[in-house]
Amino acid sequence: MSYSAYRELVQLLKELRVEDIKKLEENFDEQFIALKYLYKNITDKESFPILVILNALVSYQLNTTGEEYWWEFSKYFSKIEIKDEIYSMITFLRNSKGNRRFLNSKIKRLEKIKNHIKNIKENYNNFYNDMVKLRDFLVSIMKQDKNAKTIVFSVKMFGYAMRIYSEKFIPYPFDIAIPIDSRIKKITIKFTKQDPVSFWYKVSKETKIPPLHIDSVIWTLYRKDAGKLKYILPEKYEVLRKIREVVI
């Protein structure tokens, strides 16, 4: 492990509060902004959080960026009437420009959760108050590891959705791992040969920032227009700029 680089990363992240990251998420993460647009325009508000979970469960091997794909999803569901969430999602996938790969596998994933839609909708608030419970519920349905990228990403996006739906902010739990994608793997190698999930749990414990919120910081700092953060978090911009230099 590059100990000095690790210490620098930890010390910089310690200068951020979860409230700072919340502001970053809600004003700079295009996925969050796309969801706000969807919620404003969707006809059936109750379908909003479950649609977000369904889309997150099939958000892998995209043909476009995550930001572009979530805008495609949000614009599509802003315009249609939703009678059956699974049917609507499958129809969307069949016509999606940003999510064409492994279509049959993704449809099978949606079919696995079909019989649990009602249960999830009836327990939105319970799952938001205990997001570990949602993660474990999805693990039992999808038969995946609790740290699988689509599982923890689904919890993250559900958290975004419920923040909008309930107008209430609940920080992510410390027990839910950071989504491990190629970007996180590439960054982790700069610091250690350790397993990425374990490494970011360690960073989370030291900084007192939940892994899913750390993910938001890294995700947004990779953007080419990260300089715009000086207008969103001017008091923390220098810290964010230094974090960007350390991780990229």
C-alpha atoms as a PDB file:
ATOM      1  CA  MET A   1       0.000   0.000   0.000  1.00  0.00           C
ATOM      2  CA  SER A   2       1.148   3.535  -0.757  1.00  0.00           C
ATOM      3  CA  TYR A   3       0.761   4.622   2.868  1.00  0.00           C
ATOM      4  CA  SER A   4       1.412   8.340   2.306  1.00  0.00           C
ATOM      5  CA  ALA A   5      -1.154   8.500  -0.527  1.00  0.00           C
ATOM      6  CA  TYR A   6      -3.635   6.599   1.627  1.00  0.00           C
ATOM      7  CA  ARG A   7      -3.149   8.991   4.552  1.00  0.00           C
ATOM      8  CA  GLU A   8      -3.588  11.962   2.225  1.00  0.00           C
ATOM      9  CA  LEU A   9      -6.846  10.535   0.847  1.00  0.00           C
ATOM     10  CA  VAL A  10      -8.199   9.855   4.344  1.00  0.00           C
ATOM     11  CA  GLN A  11      -7.239  13.286   5.674  1.00  0.00           C
ATOM     12  CA  LEU A  12      -8.877  15.025   2.731  1.00  0.00           C
ATOM     13  CA  LEU A  13     -12.083  12.999   2.982  1.00  0.00           C
ATOM     14  CA  LYS A  14     -12.233  13.781   6.709  1.00  0.00           C
ATOM     15  CA  GLU A  15     -12.703  17.421   5.758  1.00  0.00           C
ATOM     16  CA  LEU A  16     -16.035  16.553   4.124  1.00  0.00           C
ATOM     17  CA  ARG A  17     -19.242  16.069   6.076  1.00  0.00           C
ATOM     18  CA  VAL A  18     -22.068  13.846   4.889  1.00  0.00           C
ATOM     19  CA  GLU A  19     -24.103  17.060   4.508  1.00  0.00           C
ATOM     20  CA  ASP A  20     -21.490  18.362   2.048  1.00  0.00           C
ATOM     21  CA  ILE A  21     -21.746  15.152   0.024  1.00  0.00           C
ATOM     22  CA  LYS A  22     -25.561  15.337   0.121  1.00  0.00           C
ATOM     23  CA  LYS A  23     -25.316  18.790  -1.468  1.00  0.00           C
ATOM     24  CA  LEU A  24     -22.909  17.458  -4.088  1.00  0.00           C
ATOM     25  CA  GLU A  25     -25.205  14.504  -4.861  1.00  0.00           C
ATOM     26  CA  GLU A  26     -28.350  16.579  -5.204  1.00  0.00           C
ATOM     27  CA  ASN A  27     -26.845  19.377  -7.274  1.00  0.00           C
ATOM     28  CA  PHE A  28     -24.140  17.705  -9.357  1.00  0.00           C
ATOM     29  CA  ASP A  29     -24.870  13.985  -9.754  1.00  0.00           C
ATOM     30  CA  GLU A  30     -26.752  13.739 -13.054  1.00  0.00           C
ATOM     31  CA  GLN A  31     -28.366  10.501 -11.896  1.00  0.00           C
ATOM     32  CA  PHE A  32     -29.993  12.311  -8.960  1.00  0.00           C
ATOM     33  CA  ILE A  33     -31.003  15.255 -11.151  1.00  0.00           C
ATOM     34  CA  ALA A  34     -32.524  12.875 -13.721  1.00  0.00           C
ATOM     35  CA  LEU A  35     -34.552  11.217 -10.947  1.00  0.00           C
ATOM     36  CA  LYS A  36     -35.863  14.594  -9.779  1.00  0.00           C
ATOM     37  CA  TYR A  37     -37.007  15.245 -13.340  1.00  0.00           C
ATOM     38  CA  LEU A  38     -38.716  11.844 -13.487  1.00  0.00           C
ATOM     39  CA  TYR A  39     -40.520  12.260 -10.177  1.00  0.00           C
ATOM     40  CA  LYS A  40     -41.806  15.678 -11.209  1.00  0.00           C
ATOM     41  CA  ASN A  41     -43.255  14.278 -14.434  1.00  0.00           C
ATOM     42  CA  ILE A  42     -44.236  10.672 -13.687  1.00  0.00           C
ATOM     43  CA  THR A  43     -47.990  10.039 -13.595  1.00  0.00           C
ATOM     44  CA  ASP A  44     -47.929   7.303 -10.962  1.00  0.00           C
ATOM     45  CA  LYS A  45     -45.776   8.614  -8.100  1.00  0.00           C
ATOM     46  CA  GLU A  46     -46.018   5.323  -6.178  1.00  0.00           C
ATOM     47  CA  SER A  47     -44.291   3.499  -9.026  1.00  0.00           C
ATOM     48  CA  PHE A  48     -41.297   5.836  -8.878  1.00  0.00           C
ATOM     49  CA  PRO A  49     -39.095   4.113  -6.215  1.00  0.00           C
ATOM     50  CA  ILE A  50     -39.693   0.578  -7.497  1.00  0.00           C
ATOM     51  CA  LEU A  51     -38.914   1.600 -11.086  1.00  0.00           C
ATOM     52  CA  VAL A  52     -35.629   3.048  -9.855  1.00  0.00           C
ATOM     53  CA  ILE A  53     -34.742  -0.252  -8.153  1.00  0.00           C
ATOM     54  CA  LEU A  54     -35.654  -2.240 -11.266  1.00  0.00           C
ATOM     55  CA  ASN A  55     -33.553  -0.027 -13.492  1.00  0.00           C
ATOM     56  CA  ALA A  56     -30.585  -0.180 -11.125  1.00  0.00           C
ATOM     57  CA  LEU A  57     -30.715  -3.985 -11.100  1.00  0.00           C
ATOM     58  CA  VAL A  58     -30.155  -4.004 -14.879  1.00  0.00           C
ATOM     59  CA  SER A  59     -27.691  -1.093 -15.022  1.00  0.00           C
ATOM     60  CA  TYR A  60     -24.577  -2.934 -16.116  1.00  0.00           C
ATOM     61  CA  GLN A  61     -22.641  -3.368 -19.380  1.00  0.00           C
ATOM     62  CA  LEU A  62     -24.235  -0.177 -20.732  1.00  0.00           C
ATOM     63  CA  ASN A  63     -23.682   1.157 -24.236  1.00  0.00           C
ATOM     64  CA  THR A  64     -23.400   4.705 -22.928  1.00  0.00           C
ATOM     65  CA  THR A  65     -22.432   6.577 -19.767  1.00  0.00           C
ATOM     66  CA  GLY A  66     -24.425   6.004 -16.597  1.00  0.00           C
ATOM     67  CA  GLU A  67     -25.540   9.640 -16.642  1.00  0.00           C
ATOM     68  CA  GLU A  68     -26.855   9.423 -20.210  1.00  0.00           C
ATOM     69  CA  TYR A  69     -28.591   6.128 -19.498  1.00  0.00           C
ATOM     70  CA  TRP A  70     -30.425   7.411 -16.409  1.00  0.00           C
ATOM     71  CA  TRP A  71     -31.606  10.410 -18.384  1.00  0.00           C
ATOM     72  CA  GLU A  72     -32.916   8.066 -21.089  1.00  0.00           C
ATOM     73  CA  PHE A  73     -34.761   6.082 -18.413  1.00  0.00           C
ATOM     74  CA  SER A  74     -36.176   9.196 -16.744  1.00  0.00           C
ATOM     75  CA  LYS A  75     -37.386  10.796 -19.941  1.00  0.00           C
ATOM     76  CA  TYR A  76     -39.016   7.570 -21.104  1.00  0.00           C
ATOM     77  CA  PHE A  77     -40.999   7.003 -17.906  1.00  0.00           C
ATOM     78  CA  SER A  78     -41.946  10.674 -17.738  1.00  0.00           C
ATOM     79  CA  LYS A  79     -44.014  10.214 -20.888  1.00  0.00           C
ATOM     80  CA  ILE A  80     -45.827   6.894 -20.467  1.00  0.00           C
ATOM     81  CA  GLU A  81     -48.672   5.582 -18.369  1.00  0.00           C
ATOM     82  CA  ILE A  82     -47.495   2.784 -16.061  1.00  0.00           C
ATOM     83  CA  LYS A  83     -49.907  -0.080 -15.470  1.00  0.00           C
ATOM     84  CA  ASP A  84     -47.361  -2.800 -14.694  1.00  0.00           C
ATOM     85  CA  GLU A  85     -43.825  -1.877 -13.649  1.00  0.00           C
ATOM     86  CA  ILE A  86     -42.144  -5.075 -14.884  1.00  0.00           C
ATOM     87  CA  TYR A  87     -43.896  -5.004 -18.264  1.00  0.00           C
ATOM     88  CA  SER A  88     -43.036  -1.297 -18.637  1.00  0.00           C
ATOM     89  CA  MET A  89     -39.378  -1.908 -17.757  1.00  0.00           C
ATOM     90  CA  ILE A  90     -39.059  -4.790 -20.211  1.00  0.00           C
ATOM     91  CA  THR A  91     -40.641  -2.650 -22.939  1.00  0.00           C
ATOM     92  CA  PHE A  92     -38.187   0.136 -22.111  1.00  0.00           C
ATOM     93  CA  LEU A  93     -35.191  -2.228 -22.272  1.00  0.00           C
ATOM     94  CA  ARG A  94     -36.279  -3.637 -25.625  1.00  0.00           C
ATOM     95  CA  ASN A  95     -36.188  -0.101 -27.045  1.00  0.00           C
ATOM     96  CA  SER A  96     -33.303   1.351 -25.043  1.00  0.00           C
ATOM     97  CA  LYS A  97     -30.347   2.870 -26.888  1.00  0.00           C
ATOM     98  CA  GLY A  98     -28.109   2.879 -23.813  1.00  0.00           C
ATOM     99  CA  ASN A  99     -28.768  -0.636 -22.473  1.00  0.00           C
ATOM    100  CA  ARG A 100     -28.696  -3.159 -25.316  1.00  0.00           C
ATOM    101  CA  ARG A 101     -26.262  -5.805 -24.116  1.00  0.00           C
ATOM    102  CA  PHE A 102     -27.314  -9.072 -22.451  1.00  0.00           C
ATOM    103  CA  LEU A 103     -30.982  -8.175 -22.917  1.00  0.00           C
ATOM    104  CA  ASN A 104     -32.298 -11.685 -22.200  1.00  0.00           C
ATOM    105  CA  SER A 105     -30.295 -11.930 -18.966  1.00  0.00           C
ATOM    106  CA  LYS A 106     -31.585  -8.550 -17.833  1.00  0.00           C
ATOM    107  CA  ILE A 107     -35.186  -9.518 -18.565  1.00  0.00           C
ATOM    108  CA  LYS A 108     -34.681 -12.690 -16.492  1.00  0.00           C
ATOM    109  CA  ARG A 109     -33.397 -10.538 -13.633  1.00  0.00           C
ATOM    110  CA  LEU A 110     -36.560  -8.455 -13.767  1.00  0.00           C
ATOM    111  CA  GLU A 111     -38.733 -11.568 -13.839  1.00  0.00           C
ATOM    112  CA  LYS A 112     -37.042 -12.812 -10.637  1.00  0.00           C
ATOM    113  CA  ILE A 113     -38.324  -9.820  -8.721  1.00  0.00           C
ATOM    114  CA  LYS A 114     -41.771  -9.709 -10.340  1.00  0.00           C
ATOM    115  CA  ASN A 115     -43.617 -11.435  -7.479  1.00  0.00           C
ATOM    116  CA  HIS A 116     -42.040  -9.131  -4.884  1.00  0.00           C
ATOM    117  CA  ILE A 117     -43.098  -5.768  -6.346  1.00  0.00           C
ATOM    118  CA  LYS A 118     -46.152  -5.399  -4.112  1.00  0.00           C
ATOM    119  CA  ASN A 119     -44.125  -6.199  -0.994  1.00  0.00           C
ATOM    120  CA  ILE A 120     -41.483  -3.606  -1.840  1.00  0.00           C
ATOM    121  CA  LYS A 121     -44.063  -0.925  -2.597  1.00  0.00           C
ATOM    122  CA  GLU A 122     -45.811  -1.560   0.715  1.00  0.00           C
ATOM    123  CA  ASN A 123     -42.502  -1.259   2.572  1.00  0.00           C
ATOM    124  CA  TYR A 124     -40.866   1.782   0.971  1.00  0.00           C
ATOM    125  CA  ASN A 125     -40.496   3.600   4.290  1.00  0.00           C
ATOM    126  CA  ASN A 126     -39.334   0.508   6.173  1.00  0.00           C
ATOM    127  CA  PHE A 127     -36.678  -0.181   3.565  1.00  0.00           C
ATOM    128  CA  TYR A 128     -35.589   3.474   3.530  1.00  0.00           C
ATOM    129  CA  ASN A 129     -35.268   3.508   7.315  1.00  0.00           C
ATOM    130  CA  ASP A 130     -33.252   0.279   7.161  1.00  0.00           C
ATOM    131  CA  MET A 131     -31.464   0.069   3.821  1.00  0.00           C
ATOM    132  CA  VAL A 132     -29.478  -2.977   4.985  1.00  0.00           C
ATOM    133  CA  LYS A 133     -32.822  -4.773   5.136  1.00  0.00           C
ATOM    134  CA  LEU A 134     -33.465  -3.805   1.510  1.00  0.00           C
ATOM    135  CA  ARG A 135     -30.014  -5.036   0.482  1.00  0.00           C
ATOM    136  CA  ASP A 136     -30.579  -8.386   2.195  1.00  0.00           C
ATOM    137  CA  PHE A 137     -34.037  -8.656   0.635  1.00  0.00           C
ATOM    138  CA  LEU A 138     -32.609  -8.088  -2.856  1.00  0.00           C
ATOM    139  CA  VAL A 139     -29.810 -10.595  -2.157  1.00  0.00           C
ATOM    140  CA  SER A 140     -32.388 -13.258  -1.267  1.00  0.00           C
ATOM    141  CA  ILE A 141     -34.367 -12.612  -4.453  1.00  0.00           C
ATOM    142  CA  MET A 142     -31.509 -12.206  -6.915  1.00  0.00           C
ATOM    143  CA  LYS A 143     -29.313 -14.942  -5.327  1.00  0.00           C
ATOM    144  CA  GLN A 144     -26.244 -12.716  -5.411  1.00  0.00           C
ATOM    145  CA  ASP A 145     -23.477 -11.757  -3.012  1.00  0.00           C
ATOM    146  CA  LYS A 146     -24.367  -8.880  -0.689  1.00  0.00           C
ATOM    147  CA  ASN A 147     -21.513  -6.815  -2.164  1.00  0.00           C
ATOM    148  CA  ALA A 148     -22.483  -7.425  -5.811  1.00  0.00           C
ATOM    149  CA  LYS A 149     -22.328  -4.183  -7.764  1.00  0.00           C
ATOM    150  CA  THR A 150     -25.954  -4.176  -8.940  1.00  0.00           C
ATOM    151  CA  ILE A 151     -27.229  -5.002  -5.432  1.00  0.00           C
ATOM    152  CA  VAL A 152     -25.448  -2.154  -3.642  1.00  0.00           C
ATOM    153  CA  PHE A 153     -26.026   0.227  -6.571  1.00  0.00           C
ATOM    154  CA  SER A 154     -29.760  -0.539  -6.361  1.00  0.00           C
ATOM    155  CA  VAL A 155     -29.719   0.436  -2.682  1.00  0.00           C
ATOM    156  CA  LYS A 156     -27.905   3.665  -3.548  1.00  0.00           C
ATOM    157  CA  MET A 157     -30.400   4.621  -6.249  1.00  0.00           C
ATOM    158  CA  PHE A 158     -33.334   3.650  -4.008  1.00  0.00           C
ATOM    159  CA  GLY A 159     -31.873   6.008  -1.399  1.00  0.00           C
ATOM    160  CA  TYR A 160     -31.818   8.779  -4.008  1.00  0.00           C
ATOM    161  CA  ALA A 161     -35.393   7.974  -5.047  1.00  0.00           C
ATOM    162  CA  MET A 162     -36.707   7.950  -1.484  1.00  0.00           C
ATOM    163  CA  ARG A 163     -34.958  11.221  -0.702  1.00  0.00           C
ATOM    164  CA  ILE A 164     -37.054  12.738  -3.481  1.00  0.00           C
ATOM    165  CA  TYR A 165     -40.232  10.715  -2.830  1.00  0.00           C
ATOM    166  CA  SER A 166     -40.352  11.246   0.954  1.00  0.00           C
ATOM    167  CA  GLU A 167     -38.612  14.650   1.076  1.00  0.00           C
ATOM    168  CA  LYS A 168     -36.479  13.219   3.871  1.00  0.00           C
ATOM    169  CA  PHE A 169     -32.735  12.579   3.953  1.00  0.00           C
ATOM    170  CA  ILE A 170     -31.422   9.399   5.568  1.00  0.00           C
ATOM    171  CA  PRO A 171     -27.649   8.822   5.191  1.00  0.00           C
ATOM    172  CA  TYR A 172     -26.539   5.519   3.724  1.00  0.00           C
ATOM    173  CA  PRO A 173     -25.577   2.803   6.236  1.00  0.00           C
ATOM    174  CA  PHE A 174     -21.902   2.040   6.878  1.00  0.00           C
ATOM    175  CA  ASP A 175     -22.628  -1.669   6.332  1.00  0.00           C
ATOM    176  CA  ILE A 176     -23.305  -1.359   2.590  1.00  0.00           C
ATOM    177  CA  ALA A 177     -20.283  -1.651   0.282  1.00  0.00           C
ATOM    178  CA  ILE A 178     -19.168   0.738  -2.422  1.00  0.00           C
ATOM    179  CA  PRO A 179     -20.190  -0.498  -5.920  1.00  0.00           C
ATOM    180  CA  ILE A 180     -17.095  -2.083  -7.435  1.00  0.00           C
ATOM    181  CA  ASP A 181     -16.795  -1.121 -11.096  1.00  0.00           C
ATOM    182  CA  SER A 182     -13.747  -0.729 -13.350  1.00  0.00           C
ATOM    183  CA  ARG A 183     -13.229   2.847 -12.153  1.00  0.00           C
ATOM    184  CA  ILE A 184     -13.143   1.897  -8.459  1.00  0.00           C
ATOM    185  CA  LYS A 185     -10.817  -1.036  -9.214  1.00  0.00           C
ATOM    186  CA  LYS A 186      -8.453   1.278 -11.096  1.00  0.00           C
ATOM    187  CA  ILE A 187      -8.401   3.788  -8.233  1.00  0.00           C
ATOM    188  CA  THR A 188      -7.958   1.101  -5.557  1.00  0.00           C
ATOM    189  CA  ILE A 189      -4.837  -0.284  -7.262  1.00  0.00           C
ATOM    190  CA  LYS A 190      -3.178   3.117  -6.769  1.00  0.00           C
ATOM    191  CA  PHE A 191      -3.351   2.594  -3.015  1.00  0.00           C
ATOM    192  CA  THR A 192      -3.280  -1.147  -2.383  1.00  0.00           C
ATOM    193  CA  LYS A 193      -3.479  -4.696  -3.719  1.00  0.00           C
ATOM    194  CA  GLN A 194      -6.124  -5.332  -1.083  1.00  0.00           C
ATOM    195  CA  ASP A 195      -9.663  -6.352  -2.055  1.00  0.00           C
ATOM    196  CA  PRO A 196     -11.471  -3.112  -3.093  1.00  0.00           C
ATOM    197  CA  VAL A 197     -14.527  -3.755  -0.899  1.00  0.00           C
ATOM    198  CA  SER A 198     -12.330  -4.202   2.200  1.00  0.00           C
ATOM    199  CA  PHE A 199     -10.162  -1.215   1.293  1.00  0.00           C
ATOM    200  CA  TRP A 200     -13.079   1.207   0.948  1.00  0.00           C
ATOM    201  CA  TYR A 201     -14.689  -0.119   4.115  1.00  0.00           C
ATOM    202  CA  LYS A 202     -11.427   0.794   5.850  1.00  0.00           C
ATOM    203  CA  VAL A 203     -11.478   4.290   4.312  1.00  0.00           C
ATOM    204  CA  SER A 204     -15.116   4.640   5.350  1.00  0.00           C
ATOM    205  CA  LYS A 205     -14.393   3.658   8.944  1.00  0.00           C
ATOM    206  CA  GLU A 206     -11.521   6.138   9.239  1.00  0.00           C
ATOM    207  CA  THR A 207     -13.327   9.036   7.592  1.00  0.00           C
ATOM    208  CA  LYS A 208     -16.744   8.312   9.160  1.00  0.00           C
ATOM    209  CA  ILE A 209     -18.313   8.576   5.695  1.00  0.00           C
ATOM    210  CA  PRO A 210     -20.488   5.659   4.496  1.00  0.00           C
ATOM    211  CA  PRO A 211     -19.071   3.864   1.417  1.00  0.00           C
ATOM    212  CA  LEU A 212     -22.016   4.808  -0.827  1.00  0.00           C
ATOM    213  CA  HIS A 213     -21.439   8.499  -0.072  1.00  0.00           C
ATOM    214  CA  ILE A 214     -17.710   8.086  -0.798  1.00  0.00           C
ATOM    215  CA  ASP A 215     -18.786   6.601  -4.128  1.00  0.00           C
ATOM    216  CA  SER A 216     -20.701   9.811  -4.901  1.00  0.00           C
ATOM    217  CA  VAL A 217     -17.595  11.909  -4.316  1.00  0.00           C
ATOM    218  CA  ILE A 218     -15.415   9.742  -6.573  1.00  0.00           C
ATOM    219  CA  TRP A 219     -18.106   9.380  -9.262  1.00  0.00           C
ATOM    220  CA  THR A 220     -18.609  13.136  -9.618  1.00  0.00           C
ATOM    221  CA  LEU A 221     -14.920  14.058  -9.425  1.00  0.00           C
ATOM    222  CA  TYR A 222     -14.249  11.907 -12.481  1.00  0.00           C
ATOM    223  CA  ARG A 223     -16.406  14.209 -14.588  1.00  0.00           C
ATOM    224  CA  LYS A 224     -14.684  16.534 -17.038  1.00  0.00           C
ATOM    225  CA  ASP A 225     -16.714  19.456 -15.714  1.00  0.00           C
ATOM    226  CA  ALA A 226     -15.799  18.825 -12.052  1.00  0.00           C
ATOM    227  CA  GLY A 227     -14.626  22.445 -11.924  1.00  0.00           C
ATOM    228  CA  LYS A 228     -18.287  23.460 -11.626  1.00  0.00           C
ATOM    229  CA  LEU A 229     -18.181  22.207  -8.044  1.00  0.00           C
ATOM    230  CA  LYS A 230     -16.619  25.555  -7.098  1.00  0.00           C
ATOM    231  CA  TYR A 231     -20.119  27.033  -7.536  1.00  0.00           C
ATOM    232  CA  ILE A 232     -21.918  24.221  -5.680  1.00  0.00           C
ATOM    233  CA  LEU A 233     -19.532  23.723  -2.747  1.00  0.00           C
ATOM    234  CA  PRO A 234     -17.231  26.769  -2.842  1.00  0.00           C
ATOM    235  CA  GLU A 235     -16.102  26.276   0.760  1.00  0.00           C
ATOM    236  CA  LYS A 236     -15.047  22.677   0.015  1.00  0.00           C
ATOM    237  CA  TYR A 237     -13.878  23.071  -3.573  1.00  0.00           C
ATOM    238  CA  GLU A 238     -10.157  23.099  -2.753  1.00  0.00           C
ATOM    239  CA  VAL A 239     -10.545  19.865  -0.767  1.00  0.00           C
ATOM    240  CA  LEU A 240     -12.482  18.256  -3.636  1.00  0.00           C
ATOM    241  CA  ARG A 241      -9.857  19.412  -6.149  1.00  0.00           C
ATOM    242  CA  LYS A 242      -7.124  17.777  -4.057  1.00  0.00           C
ATOM    243  CA  ILE A 243      -9.115  14.542  -3.704  1.00  0.00           C
ATOM    244  CA  ARG A 244      -9.459  14.503  -7.494  1.00  0.00           C
ATOM    245  CA  GLU A 245      -5.682  14.811  -7.872  1.00  0.00           C
ATOM    246  CA  VAL A 246      -5.137  11.924  -5.457  1.00  0.00           C
ATOM    247  CA  VAL A 247      -7.616   9.470  -7.007  1.00  0.00           C
ATOM    248  CA  ILE A 248      -7.370  10.244 -10.723  1.00  0.00           C
END
